[in-house]
Amino acid sequence: MKNILSRHEWFSLCLLVIFSLASIFPSICYLAYGYIPDFWLSEGGLYESVGAAACFIAGLFGLWCFKVALSKKMRLHAFWLLLLSLACLFIAGEELSWGQHIFNYEPPTSITSNNFQGEFNLHNSKLIQSGNNELSSIFFKLLMLYFILLPMLLEVFPTIDRCVKQIMIPVPSMLIAIIALIAKAGDIVNHKIVYGPSFERDSLHLGEAVESILELCLLILTFEIFYCLKNSPTFLASRAQHS
C-alpha cells in the first residue's frame, strides 16, 4: 500500500503538531496543575532561551546563505539575506540582554536606570518607548504579517509574486505561514484559558510562547533559503519550494 503522505509531508505534519503543542503548552499546564512553572515563561526561561538560540543559529546560517548568494552573483538577494542575518543576531542579543545574565556583568547605571527592567537591551528601554516592550510588540506583529500575509498574498496574486521576485526578497513558505497562524491561535487560547475576561496585562508572560515560535520560524526560513540555494543554481530568491 502506497504511503498517503510523502516523507516531506510527514515531516511538515510533525512540525505542525510540535508547534501546536508548544503554542498551547501554557494552557495545558494551567489546566492540569492550576499554575504555570516560572521557568517556562519567565525572563531567561525556556521559551525565551529557545527563541534566542533559534535566532542566533538563524543568523549564522543566514550569513552562510549570504556568502553563497554572493558566490552565485545574486547581489540583491545577498543584500536581503545580510539584513535578515543581522536582524536575527540582533534579536538573539536582545533576548539575552547581550549576555548580561549569562556572564553576570553589571551594565552602567545610566543604562539600567533608563530601562524598564534594569537590563542591557533596547526592547525594554525607556528612551525609545513610553511602555515596556511597546516596540517589541510592534516588531513581532510586523513579523507575523511577514510570515502570514506575504506568502498568502503571493499565492493569490501572481503579479505581485513576479514583482517580489524582481526585488529578490526572501519569502516564507506556506508551512511557516501555517505555523505562525497556529502560534497566534495558541496565544489567544492561552489568554482566554489563563486570564479569562479579567485580562489586563500579561503578568505571566504568556506572550513568550508565540514570540519564541516566531523566532523558530526565522530559523526555518533560513533552512528553506539554504535548501533553495543548494538545490537550485538558478534560484532567483522568491519563495522556498520543497520537493
C-alpha atoms as a PDB file:
ATOM      1  CA  MET A   1       0.000   0.000   0.000  1.00  0.00           C
ATOM      2  CA  LYS A   2       1.408   3.359  -1.025  1.00  0.00           C
ATOM      3  CA  ASN A   3       2.096   5.956   1.629  1.00  0.00           C
ATOM      4  CA  ILE A   4      -0.662   8.543   1.876  1.00  0.00           C
ATOM      5  CA  LEU A   5       1.869  11.284   2.551  1.00  0.00           C
ATOM      6  CA  SER A   6       5.388  11.784   1.233  1.00  0.00           C
ATOM      7  CA  ARG A   7       8.356  11.854   3.587  1.00  0.00           C
ATOM      8  CA  HIS A   8       8.488  15.641   3.358  1.00  0.00           C
ATOM      9  CA  GLU A   9       4.773  15.887   4.110  1.00  0.00           C
ATOM     10  CA  TRP A  10       5.151  13.672   7.170  1.00  0.00           C
ATOM     11  CA  PHE A  11       7.990  15.915   8.351  1.00  0.00           C
ATOM     12  CA  SER A  12       5.835  19.011   7.853  1.00  0.00           C
ATOM     13  CA  LEU A  13       2.962  17.360   9.713  1.00  0.00           C
ATOM     14  CA  CYS A  14       5.247  16.524  12.650  1.00  0.00           C
ATOM     15  CA  LEU A  15       6.409  20.142  12.769  1.00  0.00           C
ATOM     16  CA  LEU A  16       2.813  21.374  12.841  1.00  0.00           C
ATOM     17  CA  VAL A  17       1.932  19.009  15.691  1.00  0.00           C
ATOM     18  CA  ILE A  18       5.024  20.010  17.692  1.00  0.00           C
ATOM     19  CA  PHE A  19       4.396  23.720  17.244  1.00  0.00           C
ATOM     20  CA  SER A  20       0.706  23.299  18.035  1.00  0.00           C
ATOM     21  CA  LEU A  21       1.556  21.662  21.355  1.00  0.00           C
ATOM     22  CA  ALA A  22       4.268  24.234  22.103  1.00  0.00           C
ATOM     23  CA  SER A  23       1.886  27.113  21.446  1.00  0.00           C
ATOM     24  CA  ILE A  24      -0.777  25.889  23.908  1.00  0.00           C
ATOM     25  CA  PHE A  25       1.537  24.257  26.449  1.00  0.00           C
ATOM     26  CA  PRO A  26       0.977  27.081  28.972  1.00  0.00           C
ATOM     27  CA  SER A  27      -2.768  26.342  28.834  1.00  0.00           C
ATOM     28  CA  ILE A  28      -2.163  22.605  29.200  1.00  0.00           C
ATOM     29  CA  CYS A  29      -0.045  23.209  32.304  1.00  0.00           C
ATOM     30  CA  TYR A  30      -2.573  25.613  33.749  1.00  0.00           C
ATOM     31  CA  LEU A  31      -5.487  23.232  33.226  1.00  0.00           C
ATOM     32  CA  ALA A  32      -3.549  20.252  34.587  1.00  0.00           C
ATOM     33  CA  TYR A  33      -1.853  21.842  37.604  1.00  0.00           C
ATOM     34  CA  GLY A  34      -3.519  25.199  38.158  1.00  0.00           C
ATOM     35  CA  TYR A  35      -0.309  27.136  37.568  1.00  0.00           C
ATOM     36  CA  ILE A  36       2.485  27.606  35.028  1.00  0.00           C
ATOM     37  CA  PRO A  37       6.085  26.954  36.190  1.00  0.00           C
ATOM     38  CA  ASP A  38       8.084  30.198  36.213  1.00  0.00           C
ATOM     39  CA  PHE A  39      10.929  28.544  34.345  1.00  0.00           C
ATOM     40  CA  TRP A  40       8.853  28.171  31.188  1.00  0.00           C
ATOM     41  CA  LEU A  41       7.844  31.771  30.502  1.00  0.00           C
ATOM     42  CA  SER A  42       9.947  33.994  32.746  1.00  0.00           C
ATOM     43  CA  GLU A  43      12.748  36.273  31.553  1.00  0.00           C
ATOM     44  CA  GLY A  44      15.583  33.934  30.636  1.00  0.00           C
ATOM     45  CA  GLY A  45      13.196  30.976  30.832  1.00  0.00           C
ATOM     46  CA  LEU A  46      12.944  28.023  28.469  1.00  0.00           C
ATOM     47  CA  TYR A  47      10.765  29.652  25.793  1.00  0.00           C
ATOM     48  CA  GLU A  48      12.887  32.788  25.640  1.00  0.00           C
ATOM     49  CA  SER A  49      16.150  30.799  25.643  1.00  0.00           C
ATOM     50  CA  VAL A  50      14.966  28.524  22.828  1.00  0.00           C
ATOM     51  CA  GLY A  51      13.870  31.545  20.801  1.00  0.00           C
ATOM     52  CA  ALA A  52      17.200  33.303  21.340  1.00  0.00           C
ATOM     53  CA  ALA A  53      19.143  30.170  20.359  1.00  0.00           C
ATOM     54  CA  ALA A  54      16.991  29.802  17.232  1.00  0.00           C
ATOM     55  CA  CYS A  55      17.681  33.416  16.215  1.00  0.00           C
ATOM     56  CA  PHE A  56      21.413  33.018  16.834  1.00  0.00           C
ATOM     57  CA  ILE A  57      21.613  29.878  14.688  1.00  0.00           C
ATOM     58  CA  ALA A  58      19.400  31.511  12.050  1.00  0.00           C
ATOM     59  CA  GLY A  59      21.741  34.497  11.976  1.00  0.00           C
ATOM     60  CA  LEU A  60      24.816  32.330  11.447  1.00  0.00           C
ATOM     61  CA  PHE A  61      23.037  30.190   8.879  1.00  0.00           C
ATOM     62  CA  GLY A  62      21.809  33.310   7.125  1.00  0.00           C
ATOM     63  CA  LEU A  63      25.366  34.612   6.876  1.00  0.00           C
ATOM     64  CA  TRP A  64      26.352  31.367   5.188  1.00  0.00           C
ATOM     65  CA  CYS A  65      23.450  31.797   2.737  1.00  0.00           C
ATOM     66  CA  PHE A  66      24.603  35.389   2.170  1.00  0.00           C
ATOM     67  CA  LYS A  67      28.049  34.108   1.226  1.00  0.00           C
ATOM     68  CA  VAL A  68      26.569  31.524  -1.166  1.00  0.00           C
ATOM     69  CA  ALA A  69      24.302  34.127  -2.777  1.00  0.00           C
ATOM     70  CA  LEU A  70      27.311  36.377  -3.363  1.00  0.00           C
ATOM     71  CA  SER A  71      29.223  33.489  -4.933  1.00  0.00           C
ATOM     72  CA  LYS A  72      26.275  32.996  -7.321  1.00  0.00           C
ATOM     73  CA  LYS A  73      26.414  36.740  -8.121  1.00  0.00           C
ATOM     74  CA  MET A  74      22.920  37.223  -6.657  1.00  0.00           C
ATOM     75  CA  ARG A  75      23.893  40.516  -5.072  1.00  0.00           C
ATOM     76  CA  LEU A  76      20.415  41.893  -4.407  1.00  0.00           C
ATOM     77  CA  HIS A  77      19.314  38.661  -2.772  1.00  0.00           C
ATOM     78  CA  ALA A  78      22.568  38.640  -0.786  1.00  0.00           C
ATOM     79  CA  PHE A  79      21.718  42.128   0.491  1.00  0.00           C
ATOM     80  CA  TRP A  80      18.360  40.936   1.878  1.00  0.00           C
ATOM     81  CA  LEU A  81      19.998  37.849   3.374  1.00  0.00           C
ATOM     82  CA  LEU A  82      22.559  40.034   5.123  1.00  0.00           C
ATOM     83  CA  LEU A  83      19.772  42.187   6.606  1.00  0.00           C
ATOM     84  CA  LEU A  84      17.899  39.051   7.689  1.00  0.00           C
ATOM     85  CA  SER A  85      21.020  37.597   9.318  1.00  0.00           C
ATOM     86  CA  LEU A  86      21.877  40.789  11.183  1.00  0.00           C
ATOM     87  CA  ALA A  87      18.261  41.104  12.360  1.00  0.00           C
ATOM     88  CA  CYS A  88      18.313  37.531  13.699  1.00  0.00           C
ATOM     89  CA  LEU A  89      21.593  38.097  15.532  1.00  0.00           C
ATOM     90  CA  PHE A  90      20.261  41.373  16.949  1.00  0.00           C
ATOM     91  CA  ILE A  91      17.084  39.663  18.226  1.00  0.00           C
ATOM     92  CA  ALA A  92      19.187  36.929  19.823  1.00  0.00           C
ATOM     93  CA  GLY A  93      21.333  39.523  21.560  1.00  0.00           C
ATOM     94  CA  GLU A  94      18.291  41.463  22.756  1.00  0.00           C
ATOM     95  CA  GLU A  95      16.600  38.330  24.116  1.00  0.00           C
ATOM     96  CA  LEU A  96      19.725  37.520  26.122  1.00  0.00           C
ATOM     97  CA  SER A  97      20.251  41.171  27.130  1.00  0.00           C
ATOM     98  CA  TRP A  98      23.556  40.857  25.299  1.00  0.00           C
ATOM     99  CA  GLY A  99      24.861  38.238  27.705  1.00  0.00           C
ATOM    100  CA  GLN A 100      24.125  40.188  30.889  1.00  0.00           C
ATOM    101  CA  HIS A 101      22.524  37.243  32.690  1.00  0.00           C
ATOM    102  CA  ILE A 102      24.915  34.687  31.206  1.00  0.00           C
ATOM    103  CA  PHE A 103      28.151  36.457  32.118  1.00  0.00           C
ATOM    104  CA  ASN A 104      26.719  38.246  35.189  1.00  0.00           C
ATOM    105  CA  TYR A 105      28.135  41.656  34.323  1.00  0.00           C
ATOM    106  CA  GLU A 106      26.635  44.888  35.581  1.00  0.00           C
ATOM    107  CA  PRO A 107      25.819  47.491  32.906  1.00  0.00           C
ATOM    108  CA  PRO A 108      26.343  51.183  33.686  1.00  0.00           C
ATOM    109  CA  THR A 109      23.697  52.822  35.870  1.00  0.00           C
ATOM    110  CA  SER A 110      22.976  55.285  33.071  1.00  0.00           C
ATOM    111  CA  ILE A 111      21.654  52.326  31.047  1.00  0.00           C
ATOM    112  CA  THR A 112      19.822  50.345  33.715  1.00  0.00           C
ATOM    113  CA  SER A 113      18.118  53.453  35.132  1.00  0.00           C
ATOM    114  CA  ASN A 114      16.588  54.095  31.714  1.00  0.00           C
ATOM    115  CA  ASN A 115      15.408  50.519  31.255  1.00  0.00           C
ATOM    116  CA  PHE A 116      12.039  49.217  32.470  1.00  0.00           C
ATOM    117  CA  GLN A 117      13.651  46.005  33.744  1.00  0.00           C
ATOM    118  CA  GLY A 118      17.106  47.335  34.597  1.00  0.00           C
ATOM    119  CA  GLU A 119      18.700  45.339  31.772  1.00  0.00           C
ATOM    120  CA  PHE A 120      21.175  45.971  28.987  1.00  0.00           C
ATOM    121  CA  ASN A 121      18.882  45.950  25.943  1.00  0.00           C
ATOM    122  CA  LEU A 122      16.794  48.200  23.716  1.00  0.00           C
ATOM    123  CA  HIS A 123      13.411  46.477  23.742  1.00  0.00           C
ATOM    124  CA  ASN A 124      12.906  47.422  27.412  1.00  0.00           C
ATOM    125  CA  SER A 125      14.443  50.894  27.100  1.00  0.00           C
ATOM    126  CA  LYS A 126      12.542  53.890  28.418  1.00  0.00           C
ATOM    127  CA  LEU A 127      14.326  56.182  25.962  1.00  0.00           C
ATOM    128  CA  ILE A 128      12.552  54.902  22.848  1.00  0.00           C
ATOM    129  CA  GLN A 129       9.095  53.927  24.149  1.00  0.00           C
ATOM    130  CA  SER A 130       6.602  55.029  26.765  1.00  0.00           C
ATOM    131  CA  GLY A 131       5.746  51.500  27.930  1.00  0.00           C
ATOM    132  CA  ASN A 132       7.705  48.310  28.417  1.00  0.00           C
ATOM    133  CA  ASN A 133       8.012  46.181  25.244  1.00  0.00           C
ATOM    134  CA  GLU A 134       5.880  48.533  23.116  1.00  0.00           C
ATOM    135  CA  LEU A 135       8.317  48.494  20.198  1.00  0.00           C
ATOM    136  CA  SER A 136       8.939  44.793  20.640  1.00  0.00           C
ATOM    137  CA  SER A 137       5.205  44.160  20.353  1.00  0.00           C
ATOM    138  CA  ILE A 138       5.031  46.197  17.128  1.00  0.00           C
ATOM    139  CA  PHE A 139       8.011  44.337  15.687  1.00  0.00           C
ATOM    140  CA  PHE A 140       6.518  40.896  16.341  1.00  0.00           C
ATOM    141  CA  LYS A 141       3.207  41.974  14.816  1.00  0.00           C
ATOM    142  CA  LEU A 142       5.055  43.052  11.680  1.00  0.00           C
ATOM    143  CA  LEU A 143       6.981  39.791  11.713  1.00  0.00           C
ATOM    144  CA  MET A 144       3.703  37.874  11.909  1.00  0.00           C
ATOM    145  CA  LEU A 145       2.378  39.816   8.911  1.00  0.00           C
ATOM    146  CA  TYR A 146       5.557  38.940   7.023  1.00  0.00           C
ATOM    147  CA  PHE A 147       5.194  35.257   7.867  1.00  0.00           C
ATOM    148  CA  ILE A 148       1.447  35.014   7.209  1.00  0.00           C
ATOM    149  CA  LEU A 149       0.220  37.768   4.902  1.00  0.00           C
ATOM    150  CA  LEU A 150       3.089  37.905   2.403  1.00  0.00           C
ATOM    151  CA  PRO A 151       3.117  34.228   1.299  1.00  0.00           C
ATOM    152  CA  MET A 152      -0.686  34.182   1.132  1.00  0.00           C
ATOM    153  CA  LEU A 153      -0.809  37.346  -0.995  1.00  0.00           C
ATOM    154  CA  LEU A 154       1.724  35.886  -3.400  1.00  0.00           C
ATOM    155  CA  GLU A 155      -0.325  32.719  -3.732  1.00  0.00           C
ATOM    156  CA  VAL A 156      -3.425  34.719  -4.657  1.00  0.00           C
ATOM    157  CA  PHE A 157      -1.782  37.453  -6.752  1.00  0.00           C
ATOM    158  CA  PRO A 158       0.872  36.082  -9.173  1.00  0.00           C
ATOM    159  CA  THR A 159       1.546  39.602 -10.441  1.00  0.00           C
ATOM    160  CA  ILE A 160       2.753  40.663  -7.001  1.00  0.00           C
ATOM    161  CA  ASP A 161       4.782  37.454  -6.847  1.00  0.00           C
ATOM    162  CA  ARG A 162       6.633  38.439 -10.017  1.00  0.00           C
ATOM    163  CA  CYS A 163       7.395  41.868  -8.527  1.00  0.00           C
ATOM    164  CA  VAL A 164       8.747  40.301  -5.344  1.00  0.00           C
ATOM    165  CA  LYS A 165      10.959  38.001  -7.424  1.00  0.00           C
ATOM    166  CA  GLN A 166      12.365  41.042  -9.168  1.00  0.00           C
ATOM    167  CA  ILE A 167      13.458  42.660  -5.917  1.00  0.00           C
ATOM    168  CA  MET A 168      14.544  39.228  -4.585  1.00  0.00           C
ATOM    169  CA  ILE A 169      13.056  39.411  -1.085  1.00  0.00           C
ATOM    170  CA  PRO A 170      13.087  36.009   0.670  1.00  0.00           C
ATOM    171  CA  VAL A 171       9.503  34.806   1.061  1.00  0.00           C
ATOM    172  CA  PRO A 172       8.411  32.354   3.787  1.00  0.00           C
ATOM    173  CA  SER A 173       6.763  29.112   2.706  1.00  0.00           C
ATOM    174  CA  MET A 174       3.139  28.273   3.417  1.00  0.00           C
ATOM    175  CA  LEU A 175       4.406  25.907   6.129  1.00  0.00           C
ATOM    176  CA  ILE A 176       5.789  28.908   8.021  1.00  0.00           C
ATOM    177  CA  ALA A 177       2.532  30.787   7.431  1.00  0.00           C
ATOM    178  CA  ILE A 178       0.547  27.937   8.996  1.00  0.00           C
ATOM    179  CA  ILE A 179       2.931  27.668  11.954  1.00  0.00           C
ATOM    180  CA  ALA A 180       2.631  31.422  12.580  1.00  0.00           C
ATOM    181  CA  LEU A 181      -1.166  31.178  12.419  1.00  0.00           C
ATOM    182  CA  ILE A 182      -1.093  28.284  14.895  1.00  0.00           C
ATOM    183  CA  ALA A 183       1.128  30.327  17.226  1.00  0.00           C
ATOM    184  CA  LYS A 184      -1.291  33.261  17.119  1.00  0.00           C
ATOM    185  CA  ALA A 185      -4.284  30.996  17.726  1.00  0.00           C
ATOM    186  CA  GLY A 186      -2.440  29.349  20.614  1.00  0.00           C
ATOM    187  CA  ASP A 187      -1.720  32.768  22.124  1.00  0.00           C
ATOM    188  CA  ILE A 188      -5.437  33.618  22.032  1.00  0.00           C
ATOM    189  CA  VAL A 189      -6.300  30.268  23.634  1.00  0.00           C
ATOM    190  CA  ASN A 190      -3.702  30.771  26.367  1.00  0.00           C
ATOM    191  CA  HIS A 191      -5.026  34.208  27.268  1.00  0.00           C
ATOM    192  CA  LYS A 192      -8.645  33.022  27.292  1.00  0.00           C
ATOM    193  CA  ILE A 193      -7.923  29.996  29.494  1.00  0.00           C
ATOM    194  CA  VAL A 194      -5.399  31.515  31.903  1.00  0.00           C
ATOM    195  CA  TYR A 195      -6.709  35.069  32.290  1.00  0.00           C
ATOM    196  CA  GLY A 196     -10.304  34.780  31.115  1.00  0.00           C
ATOM    197  CA  PRO A 197     -12.316  38.014  30.933  1.00  0.00           C
ATOM    198  CA  SER A 198     -10.195  39.568  33.708  1.00  0.00           C
ATOM    199  CA  PHE A 199      -7.172  40.056  31.437  1.00  0.00           C
ATOM    200  CA  GLU A 200      -5.472  43.422  31.921  1.00  0.00           C
ATOM    201  CA  ARG A 201      -1.786  42.737  31.394  1.00  0.00           C
ATOM    202  CA  ASP A 202       0.322  39.697  30.608  1.00  0.00           C
ATOM    203  CA  SER A 203       1.701  39.221  34.121  1.00  0.00           C
ATOM    204  CA  LEU A 204       2.658  35.589  33.421  1.00  0.00           C
ATOM    205  CA  HIS A 205       4.466  36.420  30.151  1.00  0.00           C
ATOM    206  CA  LEU A 206       2.222  34.179  28.042  1.00  0.00           C
ATOM    207  CA  GLY A 207       3.355  36.143  25.010  1.00  0.00           C
ATOM    208  CA  GLU A 208       6.782  34.494  25.274  1.00  0.00           C
ATOM    209  CA  ALA A 209       5.269  31.352  23.728  1.00  0.00           C
ATOM    210  CA  VAL A 210       4.163  32.994  20.488  1.00  0.00           C
ATOM    211  CA  GLU A 211       7.345  35.092  20.299  1.00  0.00           C
ATOM    212  CA  SER A 212       9.601  32.053  20.622  1.00  0.00           C
ATOM    213  CA  ILE A 213       7.666  30.222  17.898  1.00  0.00           C
ATOM    214  CA  LEU A 214       8.017  33.206  15.544  1.00  0.00           C
ATOM    215  CA  GLU A 215      11.752  33.196  16.271  1.00  0.00           C
ATOM    216  CA  LEU A 216      11.861  29.494  15.421  1.00  0.00           C
ATOM    217  CA  CYS A 217      10.108  30.390  12.165  1.00  0.00           C
ATOM    218  CA  LEU A 218      13.101  32.601  11.357  1.00  0.00           C
ATOM    219  CA  LEU A 219      15.298  29.539  11.730  1.00  0.00           C
ATOM    220  CA  ILE A 220      13.020  27.510   9.449  1.00  0.00           C
ATOM    221  CA  LEU A 221      13.127  30.346   6.908  1.00  0.00           C
ATOM    222  CA  THR A 222      16.934  30.274   6.765  1.00  0.00           C
ATOM    223  CA  PHE A 223      16.805  26.491   6.310  1.00  0.00           C
ATOM    224  CA  GLU A 224      14.388  26.964   3.412  1.00  0.00           C
ATOM    225  CA  ILE A 225      16.692  29.520   1.833  1.00  0.00           C
ATOM    226  CA  PHE A 226      19.663  27.185   2.298  1.00  0.00           C
ATOM    227  CA  TYR A 227      17.742  24.351   0.634  1.00  0.00           C
ATOM    228  CA  CYS A 228      16.900  26.512  -2.365  1.00  0.00           C
ATOM    229  CA  LEU A 229      20.419  27.881  -2.770  1.00  0.00           C
ATOM    230  CA  LYS A 230      21.885  24.404  -2.519  1.00  0.00           C
ATOM    231  CA  ASN A 231      19.481  22.679  -4.908  1.00  0.00           C
ATOM    232  CA  SER A 232      18.674  25.395  -7.431  1.00  0.00           C
ATOM    233  CA  PRO A 233      21.658  27.087  -9.108  1.00  0.00           C
ATOM    234  CA  THR A 234      19.301  29.470 -10.928  1.00  0.00           C
ATOM    235  CA  PHE A 235      17.363  30.315  -7.783  1.00  0.00           C
ATOM    236  CA  LEU A 236      16.029  33.889  -8.029  1.00  0.00           C
ATOM    237  CA  ALA A 237      15.195  34.277  -4.395  1.00  0.00           C
ATOM    238  CA  SER A 238      11.490  34.079  -4.029  1.00  0.00           C
ATOM    239  CA  ARG A 239       9.551  31.502  -2.095  1.00  0.00           C
ATOM    240  CA  ALA A 240      11.103  28.274  -0.887  1.00  0.00           C
ATOM    241  CA  GLN A 241       9.897  25.366  -2.964  1.00  0.00           C
ATOM    242  CA  HIS A 242      10.031  21.904  -1.395  1.00  0.00           C
ATOM    243  CA  SER A 243      10.297  18.677  -3.321  1.00  0.00           C
END
